[in-house]
Amino acid sequence: MKHWTETDFQNWLYGLRDEDRHLSECSECQGEMERLKQERNQIVAEPRVSHEFLAPQRRRIYQRVEQPRRNTLALRWVLSAAMLLLTIAGITFQQLHNTSPAISDEQLFSDLSSIEQSAEPKAIQPIHNLFEN
């Protein structure tokens, strides 16, 4: 019989393969199986943690639980109000600076009639400029 491969050992570890006669006869494969068993036992073993290590952590947790929480509700309202005021100020500032210059009715009608009387669309003018020498 041939030796077990790494895949065979992995399948055995996950319960997908049963031990066969080769394992009882081959000391090399038995040694690898024992090594894998010990490694698995070390991995799944519960860690040893001393009481002295855990006690300070437990005390800090209890202190945090017993301390009253800060009043974050007031802070939330203040931040919300500040953001609202900044938004209103930004909109107002934008509207004050976006005033367009007023043109007279005569100028408007003149521009409209020149657009209407032109045989060529206004979008063609940049194309004509490309071919001018």
Protein backbone atom coordinates (compact mmCIF):
# COMPACT_ATOMS: atom_id res chain seq x y z
CA MET A 1 0.00 0.00 0.00
CA LYS A 2 1.11 3.50 -0.59
CA HIS A 3 1.60 6.19 2.08
CA TRP A 4 -1.19 8.57 2.94
CA THR A 5 -1.00 11.93 1.19
CA GLU A 6 -1.60 15.30 2.76
CA THR A 7 -5.12 15.24 1.32
CA ASP A 8 -5.76 11.88 2.96
CA PHE A 9 -4.70 13.27 6.33
CA GLN A 10 -6.88 16.36 5.86
CA ASN A 11 -9.87 14.21 4.98
CA TRP A 12 -9.22 12.06 8.05
CA LEU A 13 -9.02 15.16 10.27
CA TYR A 14 -12.39 16.38 8.97
CA GLY A 15 -13.97 12.95 9.33
CA LEU A 16 -14.19 12.30 5.59
CA ARG A 17 -11.92 9.27 5.65
CA ASP A 18 -11.61 6.32 7.98
CA GLU A 19 -8.37 4.78 9.18
CA ASP A 20 -7.29 1.81 7.12
CA ARG A 21 -4.87 -1.13 7.49
CA HIS A 22 -1.94 0.93 6.18
CA LEU A 23 -1.96 3.16 9.27
CA SER A 24 -1.56 0.17 11.57
CA GLU A 25 1.38 -1.13 9.53
CA CYS A 26 3.26 2.09 8.63
CA SER A 27 5.14 3.82 11.43
CA GLU A 28 5.75 6.94 9.30
CA CYS A 29 2.04 7.54 8.69
CA GLN A 30 1.26 6.71 12.34
CA GLY A 31 3.78 9.36 13.44
CA GLU A 32 2.21 11.96 11.15
CA MET A 33 -1.25 11.09 12.46
CA GLU A 34 -0.10 11.43 16.07
CA ARG A 35 1.51 14.79 15.27
CA LEU A 36 -1.71 16.03 13.68
CA LYS A 37 -3.77 14.77 16.65
CA GLN A 38 -1.53 16.64 19.11
CA GLU A 39 -1.65 19.79 17.00
CA ARG A 40 -5.45 19.64 16.79
CA ASN A 41 -5.71 19.10 20.56
CA GLN A 42 -3.54 22.16 21.20
CA ILE A 43 -5.66 24.27 18.89
CA VAL A 44 -9.01 23.30 20.36
CA ALA A 45 -7.85 23.37 24.00
CA GLU A 46 -9.20 26.19 26.13
CA PRO A 47 -6.60 28.85 26.87
CA ARG A 48 -5.29 29.07 30.42
CA VAL A 49 -5.89 32.55 31.74
CA SER A 50 -5.13 33.44 35.33
CA HIS A 51 -7.55 35.17 37.67
CA GLU A 52 -4.98 37.95 38.21
CA PHE A 53 -5.07 38.73 34.50
CA LEU A 54 -8.87 38.84 34.26
CA ALA A 55 -9.62 40.69 37.53
CA PRO A 56 -8.43 44.17 36.39
CA GLN A 57 -10.39 43.83 33.16
CA ARG A 58 -13.52 42.87 35.08
CA ARG A 59 -13.09 45.85 37.44
CA ARG A 60 -12.76 48.26 34.49
CA ILE A 61 -15.91 46.83 32.94
CA TYR A 62 -17.86 47.27 36.18
CA GLN A 63 -16.61 50.85 36.53
CA ARG A 64 -17.79 51.71 33.03
CA VAL A 65 -21.19 50.13 33.67
CA GLU A 66 -21.66 52.05 36.93
CA GLN A 67 -20.61 55.45 35.54
CA PRO A 68 -23.50 57.59 34.36
CA ARG A 69 -23.63 58.16 30.63
CA ARG A 70 -22.93 61.59 29.32
CA ASN A 71 -25.89 63.50 28.01
CA THR A 72 -25.30 63.14 24.30
CA LEU A 73 -28.86 64.13 23.42
CA ALA A 74 -28.11 67.82 24.03
CA LEU A 75 -24.98 67.57 21.90
CA ARG A 76 -26.96 66.04 19.07
CA TRP A 77 -29.50 68.88 19.16
CA VAL A 78 -26.77 71.52 19.16
CA LEU A 79 -25.00 69.93 16.20
CA SER A 80 -28.27 69.57 14.29
CA ALA A 81 -29.18 73.22 14.89
CA ALA A 82 -25.70 74.35 13.83
CA MET A 83 -25.92 72.37 10.60
CA LEU A 84 -29.38 73.80 9.89
CA LEU A 85 -28.12 77.35 10.42
CA LEU A 86 -25.11 76.73 8.15
CA THR A 87 -27.37 75.36 5.43
CA ILE A 88 -29.70 78.36 5.60
CA ALA A 89 -26.77 80.77 5.57
CA GLY A 90 -25.27 79.01 2.54
CA ILE A 91 -28.51 79.13 0.57
CA THR A 92 -29.04 82.80 1.43
CA PHE A 93 -25.47 83.70 0.46
CA GLN A 94 -25.82 81.85 -2.84
CA GLN A 95 -29.07 83.62 -3.70
CA LEU A 96 -27.59 87.05 -2.95
CA HIS A 97 -24.65 86.49 -5.29
CA ASN A 98 -26.58 84.85 -8.14
CA THR A 99 -28.50 87.93 -9.21
CA SER A 100 -28.30 88.17 -12.98
CA PRO A 101 -28.16 91.57 -14.68
CA ALA A 102 -31.56 92.71 -15.85
CA ILE A 103 -31.93 93.49 -19.54
CA SER A 104 -34.56 95.68 -21.06
CA ASP A 105 -37.53 94.34 -22.95
CA GLU A 106 -36.27 95.97 -26.14
CA GLN A 107 -32.94 94.14 -25.88
CA LEU A 108 -34.72 90.83 -25.25
CA PHE A 109 -37.02 91.26 -28.27
CA SER A 110 -34.09 92.31 -30.43
CA ASP A 111 -32.09 89.21 -29.49
CA LEU A 112 -35.07 86.94 -30.10
CA SER A 113 -35.84 88.43 -33.51
CA SER A 114 -32.19 88.12 -34.62
CA ILE A 115 -32.18 84.46 -33.60
CA GLU A 116 -35.45 83.85 -35.43
CA GLN A 117 -34.39 85.61 -38.62
CA SER A 118 -31.07 83.82 -38.90
CA ALA A 119 -31.07 81.05 -41.48
CA GLU A 120 -28.35 79.17 -39.66
CA PRO A 121 -28.62 77.75 -36.15
CA LYS A 122 -26.40 79.41 -33.58
CA ALA A 123 -24.67 76.08 -32.83
CA ILE A 124 -23.15 76.05 -36.35
CA GLN A 125 -21.07 79.21 -35.78
CA PRO A 126 -18.23 77.46 -33.89
CA ILE A 127 -17.94 74.94 -36.72
CA HIS A 128 -17.59 77.77 -39.25
CA ASN A 129 -14.83 79.25 -37.11
CA LEU A 130 -12.85 76.02 -37.42
CA PHE A 131 -12.65 76.35 -41.23
CA GLU A 132 -11.88 80.03 -41.46
CA ASN A 133 -8.32 80.81 -42.53
